[in-house]
C-alpha atoms as a PDB file:
ATOM      1  CA  MET A   1     147.287  94.131  74.922  1.00  0.00           C
ATOM      2  CA  ASP A   2     145.312  94.464  78.152  1.00  0.00           C
ATOM      3  CA  ASN A   3     142.160  96.605  77.769  1.00  0.00           C
ATOM      4  CA  LYS A   4     142.411  97.554  81.452  1.00  0.00           C
ATOM      5  CA  ILE A   5     145.458  99.640  80.692  1.00  0.00           C
ATOM      6  CA  ILE A   6     143.396 102.328  78.959  1.00  0.00           C
ATOM      7  CA  GLN A   7     140.408 102.462  81.285  1.00  0.00           C
ATOM      8  CA  GLY A   8     141.522 105.903  82.427  1.00  0.00           C
ATOM      9  CA  THR A   9     141.497 107.350  78.926  1.00  0.00           C
ATOM     10  CA  SER A  10     138.595 109.064  77.182  1.00  0.00           C
ATOM     11  CA  CYS A  11     138.951 107.142  73.939  1.00  0.00           C
ATOM     12  CA  SER A  12     137.479 108.589  70.754  1.00  0.00           C
ATOM     13  CA  ILE A  13     137.527 105.185  69.083  1.00  0.00           C
ATOM     14  CA  SER A  14     134.580 102.836  69.359  1.00  0.00           C
ATOM     15  CA  SER A  15     135.462  99.660  71.256  1.00  0.00           C
ATOM     16  CA  HIS A  16     132.088  97.868  71.238  1.00  0.00           C
ATOM     17  CA  HIS A  17     132.472  95.243  68.537  1.00  0.00           C
ATOM     18  CA  CYS A  18     129.053  94.481  67.082  1.00  0.00           C
ATOM     19  CA  LYS A  19     127.750  91.037  68.054  1.00  0.00           C
ATOM     20  CA  CYS A  20     124.094  91.599  67.256  1.00  0.00           C
ATOM     21  CA  PHE A  21     124.157  89.631  63.989  1.00  0.00           C
ATOM     22  CA  GLU A  22     125.248  86.547  65.910  1.00  0.00           C
ATOM     23  CA  LYS A  23     121.802  86.572  67.536  1.00  0.00           C
ATOM     24  CA  LEU A  24     119.927  86.164  64.257  1.00  0.00           C
ATOM     25  CA  THR A  25     118.500  82.857  63.088  1.00  0.00           C
ATOM     26  CA  LYS A  26     119.589  81.527  59.686  1.00  0.00           C
ATOM     27  CA  GLU A  27     116.285  82.692  58.228  1.00  0.00           C
ATOM     28  CA  GLU A  28     116.660  86.169  59.719  1.00  0.00           C
ATOM     29  CA  GLN A  29     120.263  86.420  58.485  1.00  0.00           C
ATOM     30  CA  SER A  30     119.149  85.454  54.982  1.00  0.00           C
ATOM     31  CA  PHE A  31     116.372  88.049  55.172  1.00  0.00           C
ATOM     32  CA  LEU A  32     118.886  90.711  56.229  1.00  0.00           C
ATOM     33  CA  ASP A  33     121.390  89.759  53.506  1.00  0.00           C
ATOM     34  CA  ALA A  34     118.677  89.897  50.852  1.00  0.00           C
ATOM     35  CA  ASN A  35     117.973  93.497  51.875  1.00  0.00           C
ATOM     36  CA  SER A  36     121.594  94.672  52.080  1.00  0.00           C
ATOM     37  CA  VAL A  37     124.210  95.957  49.657  1.00  0.00           C
ATOM     38  CA  LYS A  38     127.953  96.448  50.011  1.00  0.00           C
ATOM     39  CA  ILE A  39     129.497  99.788  49.054  1.00  0.00           C
ATOM     40  CA  LYS A  40     133.155 100.797  48.853  1.00  0.00           C
ATOM     41  CA  TYR A  41     134.093 104.325  49.893  1.00  0.00           C
ATOM     42  CA  HIS A  42     137.359 105.977  48.971  1.00  0.00           C
ATOM     43  CA  LYS A  43     139.549 107.876  51.405  1.00  0.00           C
ATOM     44  CA  ARG A  44     137.865 111.190  52.415  1.00  0.00           C
ATOM     45  CA  GLU A  45     134.559 110.212  50.797  1.00  0.00           C
ATOM     46  CA  VAL A  46     131.407 111.167  52.732  1.00  0.00           C
ATOM     47  CA  ILE A  47     129.462 108.098  53.885  1.00  0.00           C
ATOM     48  CA  CYS A  48     126.381 109.910  55.189  1.00  0.00           C
ATOM     49  CA  LYS A  49     125.427 113.559  55.600  1.00  0.00           C
ATOM     50  CA  GLN A  50     123.938 115.187  58.681  1.00  0.00           C
ATOM     51  CA  GLY A  51     120.312 116.113  57.986  1.00  0.00           C
ATOM     52  CA  GLY A  52     119.885 113.637  55.123  1.00  0.00           C
ATOM     53  CA  PHE A  53     116.999 111.155  55.106  1.00  0.00           C
ATOM     54  CA  VAL A  54     117.854 107.763  56.566  1.00  0.00           C
ATOM     55  CA  SER A  55     117.249 104.785  54.295  1.00  0.00           C
ATOM     56  CA  HIS A  56     119.621 102.260  55.855  1.00  0.00           C
ATOM     57  CA  VAL A  57     121.782 101.284  58.826  1.00  0.00           C
ATOM     58  CA  MET A  58     125.461 100.801  57.994  1.00  0.00           C
ATOM     59  CA  PHE A  59     127.914  98.151  59.147  1.00  0.00           C
ATOM     60  CA  VAL A  60     131.615  98.901  58.705  1.00  0.00           C
ATOM     61  CA  GLU A  61     133.063  95.661  57.353  1.00  0.00           C
ATOM     62  CA  LYS A  62     136.512  97.073  56.633  1.00  0.00           C
ATOM     63  CA  GLY A  63     138.226 100.419  57.111  1.00  0.00           C
ATOM     64  CA  LEU A  64     138.035 103.419  59.406  1.00  0.00           C
ATOM     65  CA  ALA A  65     135.559 106.303  59.520  1.00  0.00           C
ATOM     66  CA  LYS A  66     134.913 109.403  61.588  1.00  0.00           C
ATOM     67  CA  VAL A  67     131.537 110.498  62.928  1.00  0.00           C
ATOM     68  CA  TYR A  68     131.166 114.250  63.316  1.00  0.00           C
ATOM     69  CA  LEU A  69     128.802 117.192  63.679  1.00  0.00           C
ATOM     70  CA  ASP A  70     129.127 119.996  61.147  1.00  0.00           C
ATOM     71  CA  ASN A  71     127.410 123.392  60.956  1.00  0.00           C
ATOM     72  CA  GLY A  72     129.078 124.443  57.725  1.00  0.00           C
ATOM     73  CA  VAL A  73     131.758 126.445  59.524  1.00  0.00           C
ATOM     74  CA  ASN A  74     133.012 124.267  62.355  1.00  0.00           C
ATOM     75  CA  SER A  75     133.000 120.515  62.934  1.00  0.00           C
ATOM     76  CA  LEU A  76     133.265 118.365  66.055  1.00  0.00           C
ATOM     77  CA  VAL A  77     134.436 114.761  65.829  1.00  0.00           C
ATOM     78  CA  LEU A  78     132.294 112.570  68.079  1.00  0.00           C
ATOM     79  CA  LYS A  79     134.157 109.297  67.581  1.00  0.00           C
ATOM     80  CA  ILE A  80     136.106 107.088  65.200  1.00  0.00           C
ATOM     81  CA  ILE A  81     134.492 103.926  63.860  1.00  0.00           C
ATOM     82  CA  PRO A  82     136.764 100.961  63.028  1.00  0.00           C
ATOM     83  CA  SER A  83     135.614  97.780  61.312  1.00  0.00           C
ATOM     84  CA  GLY A  84     133.013  95.689  63.126  1.00  0.00           C
ATOM     85  CA  ASN A  85     130.817  98.626  64.148  1.00  0.00           C
ATOM     86  CA  LEU A  86     127.451 100.065  63.148  1.00  0.00           C
ATOM     87  CA  LEU A  87     126.529 103.546  61.898  1.00  0.00           C
ATOM     88  CA  GLY A  88     123.078 105.106  61.852  1.00  0.00           C
ATOM     89  CA  LEU A  89     121.603 103.546  64.997  1.00  0.00           C
ATOM     90  CA  THR A  90     120.463 106.947  66.307  1.00  0.00           C
ATOM     91  CA  SER A  91     117.853 106.949  63.539  1.00  0.00           C
ATOM     92  CA  LEU A  92     116.217 103.647  64.484  1.00  0.00           C
ATOM     93  CA  SER A  93     113.317 105.528  66.041  1.00  0.00           C
ATOM     94  CA  ASP A  94     110.496 106.355  63.632  1.00  0.00           C
ATOM     95  CA  ASP A  95     110.627 109.895  65.056  1.00  0.00           C
ATOM     96  CA  LEU A  96     114.212 110.422  63.833  1.00  0.00           C
ATOM     97  CA  ASN A  97     114.183 109.893  60.098  1.00  0.00           C
ATOM     98  CA  THR A  98     117.283 111.985  59.355  1.00  0.00           C
ATOM     99  CA  TYR A  99     120.956 111.405  60.155  1.00  0.00           C
ATOM    100  CA  GLN A 100     121.951 113.210  63.334  1.00  0.00           C
ATOM    101  CA  TYR A 101     125.604 113.394  62.255  1.00  0.00           C
ATOM    102  CA  SER A 102     127.863 113.040  59.233  1.00  0.00           C
ATOM    103  CA  ALA A 103     130.386 110.271  58.597  1.00  0.00           C
ATOM    104  CA  MET A 104     133.470 110.224  56.381  1.00  0.00           C
ATOM    105  CA  ALA A 105     135.954 107.500  55.457  1.00  0.00           C
ATOM    106  CA  TYR A 106     139.476 108.054  56.807  1.00  0.00           C
ATOM    107  CA  VAL A 107     140.821 105.261  54.599  1.00  0.00           C
ATOM    108  CA  GLU A 108     139.437 102.911  51.929  1.00  0.00           C
ATOM    109  CA  THR A 109     136.317 101.593  53.644  1.00  0.00           C
ATOM    110  CA  GLU A 110     133.726  98.907  52.890  1.00  0.00           C
ATOM    111  CA  ILE A 111     130.206  99.429  54.214  1.00  0.00           C
ATOM    112  CA  LYS A 112     127.273  97.033  54.330  1.00  0.00           C
ATOM    113  CA  GLN A 113     124.081  99.054  53.931  1.00  0.00           C
ATOM    114  CA  ILE A 114     121.040  97.410  55.529  1.00  0.00           C
ATOM    115  CA  ASP A 115     117.514  98.560  54.727  1.00  0.00           C
ATOM    116  CA  ILE A 116     116.431 100.397  57.870  1.00  0.00           C
ATOM    117  CA  SER A 117     112.868  99.028  57.754  1.00  0.00           C
ATOM    118  CA  VAL A 118     114.317  95.493  57.777  1.00  0.00           C
ATOM    119  CA  PHE A 119     116.660  96.358  60.655  1.00  0.00           C
ATOM    120  CA  ARG A 120     113.736  97.809  62.636  1.00  0.00           C
ATOM    121  CA  GLN A 121     111.662  94.700  61.946  1.00  0.00           C
ATOM    122  CA  LEU A 122     114.435  92.472  63.335  1.00  0.00           C
ATOM    123  CA  VAL A 123     114.709  94.663  66.439  1.00  0.00           C
ATOM    124  CA  ARG A 124     110.974  94.241  67.060  1.00  0.00           C
ATOM    125  CA  SER A 125     110.894  90.490  66.434  1.00  0.00           C
ATOM    126  CA  ASN A 126     114.167  89.258  68.016  1.00  0.00           C
ATOM    127  CA  ALA A 127     114.666  90.203  71.671  1.00  0.00           C
ATOM    128  CA  GLU A 128     118.306  89.071  71.854  1.00  0.00           C
ATOM    129  CA  PHE A 129     119.142  91.040  68.709  1.00  0.00           C
ATOM    130  CA  ALA A 130     117.405  94.095  70.201  1.00  0.00           C
ATOM    131  CA  LYS A 131     119.360  93.744  73.467  1.00  0.00           C
ATOM    132  CA  GLU A 132     122.674  93.762  71.589  1.00  0.00           C
ATOM    133  CA  VAL A 133     121.612  96.893  69.696  1.00  0.00           C
ATOM    134  CA  ILE A 134     120.661  98.597  72.995  1.00  0.00           C
ATOM    135  CA  ASP A 135     124.056  97.610  74.441  1.00  0.00           C
ATOM    136  CA  ILE A 136     125.783  99.263  71.457  1.00  0.00           C
ATOM    137  CA  LEU A 137     123.749 102.449  71.882  1.00  0.00           C
ATOM    138  CA  SER A 138     124.575 102.523  75.610  1.00  0.00           C
ATOM    139  CA  ALA A 139     128.294 101.996  74.981  1.00  0.00           C
ATOM    140  CA  ASN A 140     128.251 104.774  72.366  1.00  0.00           C
ATOM    141  CA  SER A 141     126.666 107.192  74.846  1.00  0.00           C
ATOM    142  CA  VAL A 142     129.204 106.406  77.568  1.00  0.00           C
ATOM    143  CA  GLN A 143     132.047 106.833  75.098  1.00  0.00           C
ATOM    144  CA  ILE A 144     130.838 110.235  73.916  1.00  0.00           C
ATOM    145  CA  TYR A 145     130.426 111.408  77.536  1.00  0.00           C
ATOM    146  CA  GLY A 146     134.059 110.482  78.117  1.00  0.00           C
ATOM    147  CA  ARG A 147     135.156 112.248  74.956  1.00  0.00           C
ATOM    148  CA  PHE A 148     133.495 115.501  75.995  1.00  0.00           C
ATOM    149  CA  PHE A 149     135.163 115.239  79.400  1.00  0.00           C
ATOM    150  CA  CYS A 150     138.505 114.783  77.645  1.00  0.00           C
ATOM    151  CA  LEU A 151     138.007 117.825  75.405  1.00  0.00           C
ATOM    152  CA  THR A 152     136.819 120.112  78.192  1.00  0.00           C
ATOM    153  CA  HIS A 153     138.989 119.048  81.143  1.00  0.00           C
ATOM    154  CA  LYS A 154     142.202 117.496  79.870  1.00  0.00           C
ATOM    155  CA  GLN A 155     145.282 119.425  78.876  1.00  0.00           C
ATOM    156  CA  ALA A 156     146.716 119.137  75.357  1.00  0.00           C
ATOM    157  CA  TYR A 157     149.245 116.412  76.194  1.00  0.00           C
ATOM    158  CA  GLY A 158     146.570 114.245  77.793  1.00  0.00           C
ATOM    159  CA  ARG A 159     144.277 114.591  74.774  1.00  0.00           C
ATOM    160  CA  LEU A 160     146.977 113.589  72.304  1.00  0.00           C
ATOM    161  CA  ALA A 161     148.072 110.688  74.519  1.00  0.00           C
ATOM    162  CA  ASP A 162     144.448 109.440  74.535  1.00  0.00           C
ATOM    163  CA  ILE A 163     144.331 109.334  70.731  1.00  0.00           C
ATOM    164  CA  LEU A 164     147.642 107.508  70.358  1.00  0.00           C
ATOM    165  CA  LEU A 165     146.682 104.965  73.035  1.00  0.00           C
ATOM    166  CA  CYS A 166     143.324 104.291  71.433  1.00  0.00           C
ATOM    167  CA  LEU A 167     144.788 103.864  67.947  1.00  0.00           C
ATOM    168  CA  SER A 168     147.336 101.423  69.325  1.00  0.00           C
ATOM    169  CA  ASN A 169     144.906  99.478  71.514  1.00  0.00           C
ATOM    170  CA  ARG A 170     141.568  99.544  69.702  1.00  0.00           C
ATOM    171  CA  VAL A 171     142.352  99.834  65.997  1.00  0.00           C
ATOM    172  CA  PHE A 172     145.710  98.185  65.327  1.00  0.00           C
ATOM    173  CA  LYS A 173     146.025  96.198  68.572  1.00  0.00           C
ATOM    174  CA  GLN A 174     149.805  96.538  68.476  1.00  0.00           C
ATOM    175  CA  THR A 175     152.413  99.123  69.431  1.00  0.00           C
ATOM    176  CA  GLU A 176     153.763  99.700  65.902  1.00  0.00           C
ATOM    177  CA  PHE A 177     151.545 100.710  62.971  1.00  0.00           C
ATOM    178  CA  ASP A 178     151.178 103.040  59.992  1.00  0.00           C
ATOM    179  CA  LEU A 179     149.275 106.109  61.173  1.00  0.00           C
ATOM    180  CA  PRO A 180     146.225 106.539  58.882  1.00  0.00           C
ATOM    181  CA  LEU A 181     145.452 110.046  60.160  1.00  0.00           C
ATOM    182  CA  SER A 182     147.107 113.245  59.018  1.00  0.00           C
ATOM    183  CA  ARG A 183     148.406 115.833  61.466  1.00  0.00           C
ATOM    184  CA  LYS A 184     145.287 117.846  60.621  1.00  0.00           C
ATOM    185  CA  ASP A 185     143.095 114.843  61.541  1.00  0.00           C
ATOM    186  CA  LEU A 186     144.886 114.461  64.879  1.00  0.00           C
ATOM    187  CA  ALA A 187     144.432 118.175  65.526  1.00  0.00           C
ATOM    188  CA  GLU A 188     140.713 117.938  64.756  1.00  0.00           C
ATOM    189  CA  LEU A 189     140.318 114.969  67.101  1.00  0.00           C
ATOM    190  CA  SER A 190     142.193 116.610  69.960  1.00  0.00           C
ATOM    191  CA  GLY A 191     140.756 120.122  69.557  1.00  0.00           C
ATOM    192  CA  MET A 192     144.149 121.687  68.822  1.00  0.00           C
ATOM    193  CA  SER A 193     145.909 123.331  65.899  1.00  0.00           C
ATOM    194  CA  SER A 194     147.998 121.274  63.472  1.00  0.00           C
ATOM    195  CA  GLU A 195     151.083 123.213  64.547  1.00  0.00           C
ATOM    196  CA  THR A 196     150.497 122.285  68.196  1.00  0.00           C
ATOM    197  CA  VAL A 197     150.072 118.600  67.333  1.00  0.00           C
ATOM    198  CA  ILE A 198     153.283 118.579  65.279  1.00  0.00           C
ATOM    199  CA  ARG A 199     155.174 120.215  68.156  1.00  0.00           C
ATOM    200  CA  MET A 200     153.755 117.774  70.703  1.00  0.00           C
ATOM    201  CA  LEU A 201     154.516 114.705  68.573  1.00  0.00           C
ATOM    202  CA  LYS A 202     158.108 115.886  68.391  1.00  0.00           C
ATOM    203  CA  LYS A 203     158.108 116.352  72.173  1.00  0.00           C
ATOM    204  CA  PHE A 204     156.747 112.812  72.671  1.00  0.00           C
ATOM    205  CA  SER A 205     159.442 111.520  70.319  1.00  0.00           C
ATOM    206  CA  ASP A 206     162.240 113.448  72.036  1.00  0.00           C
ATOM    207  CA  ASP A 207     161.041 112.130  75.419  1.00  0.00           C
ATOM    208  CA  GLY A 208     161.220 108.535  74.210  1.00  0.00           C
ATOM    209  CA  LEU A 209     157.448 107.923  74.325  1.00  0.00           C
ATOM    210  CA  ILE A 210     157.027 107.248  70.611  1.00  0.00           C
ATOM    211  CA  GLN A 211     159.129 106.787  67.490  1.00  0.00           C
ATOM    212  CA  MET A 212     158.002 108.198  64.146  1.00  0.00           C
ATOM    213  CA  ASN A 213     159.340 107.555  60.670  1.00  0.00           C
ATOM    214  CA  GLY A 214     157.096 109.046  58.000  1.00  0.00           C
ATOM    215  CA  LYS A 215     153.656 107.516  58.587  1.00  0.00           C
ATOM    216  CA  SER A 216     155.074 104.722  60.745  1.00  0.00           C
ATOM    217  CA  LEU A 217     154.487 105.195  64.482  1.00  0.00           C
ATOM    218  CA  LYS A 218     155.772 103.009  67.312  1.00  0.00           C
ATOM    219  CA  VAL A 219     154.727 103.368  70.942  1.00  0.00           C
ATOM    220  CA  LEU A 220     157.918 102.956  72.972  1.00  0.00           C
ATOM    221  CA  ASP A 221     156.580 103.623  76.474  1.00  0.00           C
ATOM    222  CA  PHE A 222     152.910 102.655  76.766  1.00  0.00           C
ATOM    223  CA  ASP A 223     152.804 103.033  80.563  1.00  0.00           C
ATOM    224  CA  ARG A 224     154.108 106.609  80.502  1.00  0.00           C
ATOM    225  CA  LEU A 225     151.555 107.546  77.828  1.00  0.00           C
ATOM    226  CA  VAL A 226     148.823 106.132  80.073  1.00  0.00           C
ATOM    227  CA  ARG A 227     150.065 108.256  82.979  1.00  0.00           C
ATOM    228  CA  ILE A 228     150.082 111.370  80.788  1.00  0.00           C
ATOM    229  CA  SER A 229     146.522 110.558  79.737  1.00  0.00           C
ATOM    230  CA  GLU A 230     145.419 110.054  83.348  1.00  0.00           C
ATOM    231  CA  ILE A 231     146.884 113.289  84.707  1.00  0.00           C
ATOM    232  CA  GLY A 232     145.610 115.108  81.622  1.00  0.00           C
END
């Protein structure tokens, strides 16, 4: 599927696949592996908590997670993290020793936890590794800017179209897939009520844009969804 087709969307799903580990020497990779552990998180399990002390950077090896801000009453989803992406990079600075957001597993997820002092050491000693990390941070910032634009300027149909396009293009990379998110999750992502999302999904289905059967979702008219996303 052509990535150009969703350039007009404000995708909530990270698209910058991590390539920084490819820049490590064999010795550096062995050093990193010796200071890493793999953890499995169940569906809905919290991966890290906003305000908690940072002890490691996390690499999502398998699964799907959401990154969000939470004040105890309301929450705002910043982005969705599929496999092949890093969590915790905002705390690389010695001045930020706490997590600036929370993360939760949407599905069964496997995380590689890397000692943050080791990760920082590799950033300082390997320029190419550091450049890749900076590129990830830059891509994350641009993505979040686009997400805020989507939430504040797009109409409801455009916001929902964005989410469906991004799931199809960036997570499953096909037009037919089992939707891992509940209607409540979709509502949270799009800044709408669950009832509104249910009504709009039915509208999309009636209009021949998508086909739904239980958790199975098929995008029938990708181009029309893109146009809905663009006009917002």
